Amino acid sequence: MELLGIGSRINHAEYGFGVVTNVSAKMYWGIFQKEGLETIELDLEFKLIEACEDDVEAVSFYDVEKSLR
């Protein structure tokens, strides 16, 4: 199974169309048109509309530190 990246578009049978907003070890977090923010298990069935791979914006500790000063 290939993990989807942030920004991937999916269609879930119960939640409708949505966009992956976060990925954890066990879940996809997504915003869905019908239900809003929901989590779904990585191996749950859904229709893939468009995959984004490795689209994760990383922030360094330096950037976080700098913004807090």
C-alpha atoms as a PDB file:
ATOM      1  CA  MET A   1       0.000   0.000   0.000  1.00  0.00           C
ATOM      2  CA  GLU A   2       1.306   3.410  -0.968  1.00  0.00           C
ATOM      3  CA  LEU A   3       0.724   6.254   1.491  1.00  0.00           C
ATOM      4  CA  LEU A   4      -1.019   9.342   0.191  1.00  0.00           C
ATOM      5  CA  GLY A   5       0.499  12.758   0.737  1.00  0.00           C
ATOM      6  CA  ILE A   6      -1.135  15.879   2.052  1.00  0.00           C
ATOM      7  CA  GLY A   7      -3.379  17.401  -0.605  1.00  0.00           C
ATOM      8  CA  SER A   8      -4.482  14.062  -2.092  1.00  0.00           C
ATOM      9  CA  ARG A   9      -8.123  14.097  -3.157  1.00  0.00           C
ATOM     10  CA  ILE A  10     -10.352  11.141  -2.295  1.00  0.00           C
ATOM     11  CA  ASN A  11     -14.001  10.083  -2.380  1.00  0.00           C
ATOM     12  CA  HIS A  12     -15.185   8.161   0.678  1.00  0.00           C
ATOM     13  CA  ALA A  13     -18.477   6.202   0.554  1.00  0.00           C
ATOM     14  CA  GLU A  14     -19.794   7.740   3.793  1.00  0.00           C
ATOM     15  CA  TYR A  15     -18.049  11.129   4.000  1.00  0.00           C
ATOM     16  CA  GLY A  16     -18.056  12.116   0.318  1.00  0.00           C
ATOM     17  CA  PHE A  17     -15.330  14.068  -1.452  1.00  0.00           C
ATOM     18  CA  GLY A  18     -12.388  15.197   0.641  1.00  0.00           C
ATOM     19  CA  VAL A  19      -8.759  16.251   0.835  1.00  0.00           C
ATOM     20  CA  VAL A  20      -6.076  14.642   2.992  1.00  0.00           C
ATOM     21  CA  THR A  21      -4.777  17.248   5.447  1.00  0.00           C
ATOM     22  CA  ASN A  22      -2.526  15.098   7.645  1.00  0.00           C
ATOM     23  CA  VAL A  23      -1.146  11.576   7.808  1.00  0.00           C
ATOM     24  CA  SER A  24      -0.298   9.696  10.997  1.00  0.00           C
ATOM     25  CA  ALA A  25       0.981   6.170  11.573  1.00  0.00           C
ATOM     26  CA  LYS A  26      -2.553   4.743  11.564  1.00  0.00           C
ATOM     27  CA  MET A  27      -4.867   7.382  10.078  1.00  0.00           C
ATOM     28  CA  TYR A  28      -5.488   9.870   7.338  1.00  0.00           C
ATOM     29  CA  TRP A  29      -6.974  13.150   8.514  1.00  0.00           C
ATOM     30  CA  GLY A  30      -9.174  14.838   5.961  1.00  0.00           C
ATOM     31  CA  ILE A  31     -11.660  17.598   5.337  1.00  0.00           C
ATOM     32  CA  PHE A  32     -14.806  16.257   3.671  1.00  0.00           C
ATOM     33  CA  GLN A  33     -17.646  18.129   1.973  1.00  0.00           C
ATOM     34  CA  LYS A  34     -20.383  16.215   3.806  1.00  0.00           C
ATOM     35  CA  GLU A  35     -18.905  15.694   7.265  1.00  0.00           C
ATOM     36  CA  GLY A  36     -16.099  18.224   7.764  1.00  0.00           C
ATOM     37  CA  LEU A  37     -12.975  17.023   9.590  1.00  0.00           C
ATOM     38  CA  GLU A  38     -12.780  13.221   9.876  1.00  0.00           C
ATOM     39  CA  THR A  39     -10.136  10.558  10.338  1.00  0.00           C
ATOM     40  CA  ILE A  40     -10.055   7.321   8.370  1.00  0.00           C
ATOM     41  CA  GLU A  41      -7.834   4.299   8.790  1.00  0.00           C
ATOM     42  CA  LEU A  42      -4.988   3.932   6.296  1.00  0.00           C
ATOM     43  CA  ASP A  43      -6.303   0.611   4.966  1.00  0.00           C
ATOM     44  CA  LEU A  44      -9.957   1.690   4.661  1.00  0.00           C
ATOM     45  CA  GLU A  45     -11.418   1.564   1.144  1.00  0.00           C
ATOM     46  CA  PHE A  46     -12.057   4.809  -0.711  1.00  0.00           C
ATOM     47  CA  LYS A  47     -11.781   6.014  -4.287  1.00  0.00           C
ATOM     48  CA  LEU A  48      -8.600   7.914  -5.100  1.00  0.00           C
ATOM     49  CA  ILE A  49      -9.231  10.960  -7.278  1.00  0.00           C
ATOM     50  CA  GLU A  50      -5.749  12.486  -7.302  1.00  0.00           C
ATOM     51  CA  ALA A  51      -2.675  11.420  -5.333  1.00  0.00           C
ATOM     52  CA  CYS A  52      -0.040  13.785  -4.017  1.00  0.00           C
ATOM     53  CA  GLU A  53       3.147  12.090  -2.969  1.00  0.00           C
ATOM     54  CA  ASP A  54       5.620  13.468  -0.433  1.00  0.00           C
ATOM     55  CA  ASP A  55       3.813  16.809  -0.235  1.00  0.00           C
ATOM     56  CA  VAL A  56       4.583  17.659   3.350  1.00  0.00           C
ATOM     57  CA  GLU A  57       5.868  21.054   4.348  1.00  0.00           C
ATOM     58  CA  ALA A  58       8.423  20.655   7.081  1.00  0.00           C
ATOM     59  CA  VAL A  59       9.367  23.369   9.523  1.00  0.00           C
ATOM     60  CA  SER A  60      12.730  23.347  11.244  1.00  0.00           C
ATOM     61  CA  PHE A  61      13.180  23.903  14.968  1.00  0.00           C
ATOM     62  CA  TYR A  62      15.084  27.064  14.055  1.00  0.00           C
ATOM     63  CA  ASP A  63      12.009  28.438  12.245  1.00  0.00           C
ATOM     64  CA  VAL A  64       9.777  27.634  15.224  1.00  0.00           C
ATOM     65  CA  GLU A  65      12.240  29.191  17.646  1.00  0.00           C
ATOM     66  CA  LYS A  66      12.553  32.299  15.485  1.00  0.00           C
ATOM     67  CA  SER A  67       8.782  32.757  15.263  1.00  0.00           C
ATOM     68  CA  LEU A  68       8.422  32.518  19.048  1.00  0.00           C
ATOM     69  CA  ARG A  69      10.984  35.240  19.741  1.00  0.00           C
END
